[in-house]
Amino acid sequence: MHQTSYKNAAYFVSKYLQQYKDKNLKILDVGSQDVNGTYKPLFSNENWSYCGCDMCEGKNVNIVLKNVYRWNEIPAESYDVVISGQAFEHIEYIWKTVLEVRRVLKEGGIFCMIAPAACHEHRYPLDCWRIFSDGAAAIAKYAMLEVLEVYTKWDEASPDGNIIDTVLVCKKNKLTLRQEAGMAVRMFAERFVQ
């Protein structure tokens, strides 16, 4: 993790979660393995329950996912907040993964994704994407998540590697019956059709 990623996550917590400081929140960190740092200290509120998940065992990993596109280890609608930083660029089919984010979020839940718009290649084990603001908004739209904020801070490169991040904050709202039917078809296709 680089310094600006942590700073962007701290901004997210301050702007979107401080209003819930006295509420019980379940928070899932996707791609949580401690590689040069973790977001965990940002969620140390005694009312909040933090859980880290990743594709392999390691420091700060509570749940090991067997499949990045099918989170069978995590029940539907079980988290109030999902945060993921410096992980989505490593996922080949990010649109499939964002459907899992939607599935595990409770209604009204918030998703924050922090991903590089510019940086050096860094395979872990793959390095597939650089995500701009429009791309982040498209990811949210595909999963029928309401965009609350999306930005790329082009003027604020990380001092530890010239990494520039895009930040997406979006919300899971109740869908209409028609939208629910469309989402069910989309999720079925992405989860079960290869």
Protein backbone atom coordinates (compact mmCIF):
# COMPACT_ATOMS: atom_id res chain seq x y z
CA MET A 1 0.00 0.00 0.00
CA HIS A 2 1.22 3.50 -0.72
CA GLN A 3 0.67 6.68 1.27
CA THR A 4 -1.96 8.28 -0.97
CA SER A 5 -4.04 5.09 -0.95
CA TYR A 6 -4.17 5.22 2.85
CA LYS A 7 -4.94 8.94 2.70
CA ASN A 8 -7.83 8.31 0.27
CA ALA A 9 -9.20 5.57 2.55
CA ALA A 10 -8.94 7.90 5.56
CA TYR A 11 -10.89 10.55 3.60
CA PHE A 12 -13.58 7.93 2.82
CA VAL A 13 -13.90 6.98 6.49
CA SER A 14 -14.05 10.62 7.57
CA LYS A 15 -16.62 11.70 4.98
CA TYR A 16 -18.86 8.63 4.75
CA LEU A 17 -18.53 6.62 7.96
CA GLN A 18 -18.05 9.11 10.81
CA GLN A 19 -21.82 9.63 10.92
CA TYR A 20 -22.02 5.94 11.91
CA LYS A 21 -19.39 6.11 14.67
CA ASP A 22 -22.00 5.12 17.28
CA LYS A 23 -23.55 2.39 15.12
CA ASN A 24 -22.52 -1.22 14.67
CA LEU A 25 -20.96 -1.62 11.24
CA LYS A 26 -19.60 -4.76 9.62
CA ILE A 27 -16.71 -3.85 7.31
CA LEU A 28 -15.14 -6.13 4.69
CA ASP A 29 -11.72 -5.28 3.26
CA VAL A 30 -11.21 -7.02 -0.09
CA GLY A 31 -7.54 -7.57 -0.85
CA SER A 32 -6.64 -7.03 2.79
CA GLN A 33 -3.30 -8.84 3.02
CA ASP A 34 -0.73 -6.61 4.69
CA VAL A 35 1.66 -5.73 1.88
CA ASN A 36 3.42 -2.58 3.10
CA GLY A 37 0.44 -1.63 5.27
CA THR A 38 -3.28 -2.07 5.70
CA TYR A 39 -6.44 0.01 6.16
CA LYS A 40 -7.36 -1.84 9.36
CA PRO A 41 -6.35 1.01 11.76
CA LEU A 42 -8.92 3.26 10.06
CA PHE A 43 -11.71 0.95 11.25
CA SER A 44 -10.66 0.62 14.90
CA ASN A 45 -13.92 2.11 16.23
CA GLU A 46 -15.19 -0.15 19.04
CA ASN A 47 -18.63 -0.36 17.37
CA TRP A 48 -17.21 -1.54 14.06
CA SER A 49 -16.30 -5.09 13.13
CA TYR A 50 -13.49 -5.35 10.55
CA CYS A 51 -12.84 -8.46 8.45
CA GLY A 52 -10.12 -8.85 5.85
CA CYS A 53 -10.37 -11.18 2.87
CA ASP A 54 -7.89 -12.08 0.18
CA MET A 55 -6.99 -14.84 -2.24
CA CYS A 56 -4.23 -16.28 -0.05
CA GLU A 57 -3.44 -16.61 3.63
CA GLY A 58 -1.36 -13.91 5.21
CA LYS A 59 -1.18 -11.16 7.77
CA ASN A 60 -4.53 -9.32 8.12
CA VAL A 61 -6.49 -12.01 6.22
CA ASN A 62 -9.50 -13.50 8.04
CA ILE A 63 -11.23 -15.09 5.05
CA VAL A 64 -9.38 -16.77 2.18
CA LEU A 65 -11.48 -16.65 -0.98
CA LYS A 66 -11.21 -19.71 -3.20
CA ASN A 67 -12.56 -17.85 -6.22
CA VAL A 68 -12.34 -14.10 -6.83
CA TYR A 69 -15.62 -14.26 -8.79
CA ARG A 70 -17.66 -16.46 -6.39
CA TRP A 71 -17.35 -15.57 -2.73
CA ASN A 72 -19.03 -18.68 -1.38
CA GLU A 73 -17.29 -18.07 1.96
CA ILE A 74 -19.30 -14.85 2.51
CA PRO A 75 -23.10 -14.80 2.92
CA ALA A 76 -25.24 -12.40 0.89
CA GLU A 77 -26.12 -9.05 2.43
CA SER A 78 -23.77 -9.51 5.37
CA TYR A 79 -21.67 -6.29 5.30
CA ASP A 80 -22.48 -2.61 5.73
CA VAL A 81 -19.24 -1.46 4.12
CA VAL A 82 -16.90 -3.02 1.57
CA ILE A 83 -13.56 -1.35 0.93
CA SER A 84 -10.95 -2.46 -1.56
CA GLY A 85 -7.70 -0.70 -2.21
CA GLN A 86 -4.98 -1.66 -4.63
CA ALA A 87 -6.68 -4.94 -5.53
CA PHE A 88 -9.01 -4.41 -8.51
CA GLU A 89 -6.15 -3.72 -10.91
CA HIS A 90 -5.03 -7.31 -10.29
CA ILE A 91 -8.42 -8.89 -11.17
CA GLU A 92 -8.93 -9.95 -14.79
CA TYR A 93 -12.73 -9.65 -14.89
CA ILE A 94 -13.47 -6.87 -12.44
CA TRP A 95 -17.12 -6.64 -13.51
CA LYS A 96 -17.66 -10.15 -12.12
CA THR A 97 -16.03 -9.25 -8.82
CA VAL A 98 -18.09 -6.07 -8.39
CA LEU A 99 -21.23 -8.22 -8.60
CA GLU A 100 -19.94 -10.14 -5.58
CA VAL A 101 -19.38 -6.83 -3.80
CA ARG A 102 -23.01 -5.98 -4.49
CA ARG A 103 -24.16 -9.41 -3.31
CA VAL A 104 -22.43 -9.19 0.08
CA LEU A 105 -23.45 -5.57 0.76
CA LYS A 106 -26.57 -4.94 2.81
CA GLU A 107 -29.18 -2.64 1.31
CA GLY A 108 -27.90 0.90 1.89
CA GLY A 109 -24.35 -0.43 2.18
CA ILE A 110 -21.39 1.51 0.85
CA PHE A 111 -18.53 0.34 -1.38
CA CYS A 112 -15.23 2.19 -1.68
CA MET A 113 -12.73 1.13 -4.34
CA ILE A 114 -9.28 2.68 -4.58
CA ALA A 115 -7.34 1.65 -7.67
CA PRO A 116 -4.48 3.14 -9.66
CA ALA A 117 -5.11 5.36 -12.65
CA ALA A 118 -1.37 5.58 -13.21
CA CYS A 119 1.58 3.65 -11.82
CA HIS A 120 4.31 1.22 -12.76
CA GLU A 121 3.49 -2.39 -13.67
CA HIS A 122 3.31 -4.54 -10.56
CA ARG A 123 2.17 -8.09 -11.08
CA TYR A 124 0.68 -9.78 -8.02
CA PRO A 125 0.35 -12.22 -9.82
CA LEU A 126 -1.31 -10.18 -12.61
CA ASP A 127 -1.54 -6.47 -13.33
CA CYS A 128 -4.49 -5.92 -15.66
CA TRP A 129 -5.95 -2.44 -15.28
CA ARG A 130 -5.54 1.26 -14.70
CA ILE A 131 -8.91 2.74 -13.82
CA PHE A 132 -10.04 6.29 -14.58
CA SER A 133 -13.08 8.05 -13.09
CA ASP A 134 -15.37 7.09 -16.00
CA GLY A 135 -14.24 3.47 -15.76
CA ALA A 136 -14.91 3.39 -12.03
CA ALA A 137 -18.38 4.85 -12.57
CA ALA A 138 -19.02 2.23 -15.27
CA ILE A 139 -18.06 -0.53 -12.83
CA ALA A 140 -20.64 0.81 -10.36
CA LYS A 141 -23.27 1.18 -13.07
CA TYR A 142 -22.76 -2.44 -14.19
CA ALA A 143 -23.52 -3.61 -10.64
CA MET A 144 -26.42 -1.15 -10.31
CA LEU A 145 -24.70 0.74 -7.51
CA GLU A 146 -25.37 4.46 -7.07
CA VAL A 147 -22.23 6.54 -7.48
CA LEU A 148 -21.83 8.91 -4.54
CA GLU A 149 -18.41 10.19 -5.54
CA VAL A 150 -15.70 9.31 -8.03
CA TYR A 151 -12.45 11.13 -8.61
CA THR A 152 -8.90 10.82 -9.83
CA LYS A 153 -6.41 13.16 -8.17
CA TRP A 154 -4.05 13.79 -11.07
CA ASP A 155 -2.26 16.51 -9.13
CA GLU A 156 -1.44 14.28 -6.16
CA ALA A 157 1.04 11.55 -7.04
CA SER A 158 2.22 9.29 -4.25
CA PRO A 159 5.70 10.23 -3.03
CA ASP A 160 6.56 6.54 -2.93
CA GLY A 161 6.25 5.65 -6.60
CA ASN A 162 4.29 8.26 -8.61
CA ILE A 163 1.07 6.29 -8.18
CA ILE A 164 -2.13 8.21 -8.92
CA ASP A 165 -5.35 6.69 -7.62
CA THR A 166 -8.96 6.74 -8.68
CA VAL A 167 -11.48 6.53 -5.85
CA LEU A 168 -15.04 5.29 -6.26
CA VAL A 169 -17.64 5.51 -3.51
CA CYS A 170 -21.03 4.01 -4.26
CA LYS A 171 -24.13 2.72 -2.50
CA LYS A 172 -26.38 -0.32 -2.84
CA ASN A 173 -29.97 0.88 -3.12
CA LYS A 174 -33.17 -1.11 -3.31
CA LEU A 175 -33.91 -2.10 -6.89
CA THR A 176 -37.23 -2.01 -8.71
CA LEU A 177 -38.70 -5.40 -9.63
CA ARG A 178 -37.51 -4.94 -13.20
CA GLN A 179 -34.00 -4.05 -12.05
CA GLU A 180 -33.98 -7.04 -9.67
CA ALA A 181 -34.88 -9.36 -12.55
CA GLY A 182 -32.13 -7.87 -14.70
CA MET A 183 -29.61 -8.16 -11.87
CA ALA A 184 -30.59 -11.79 -11.21
CA VAL A 185 -29.96 -12.64 -14.86
CA ARG A 186 -26.65 -10.74 -14.85
CA MET A 187 -25.45 -12.43 -11.66
CA PHE A 188 -26.48 -15.86 -12.90
CA ALA A 189 -24.64 -15.33 -16.15
CA GLU A 190 -21.48 -14.08 -14.47
CA ARG A 191 -21.45 -16.69 -11.71
CA PHE A 192 -22.40 -19.80 -13.63
CA VAL A 193 -21.81 -19.34 -17.32
CA GLN A 194 -18.15 -19.64 -18.28
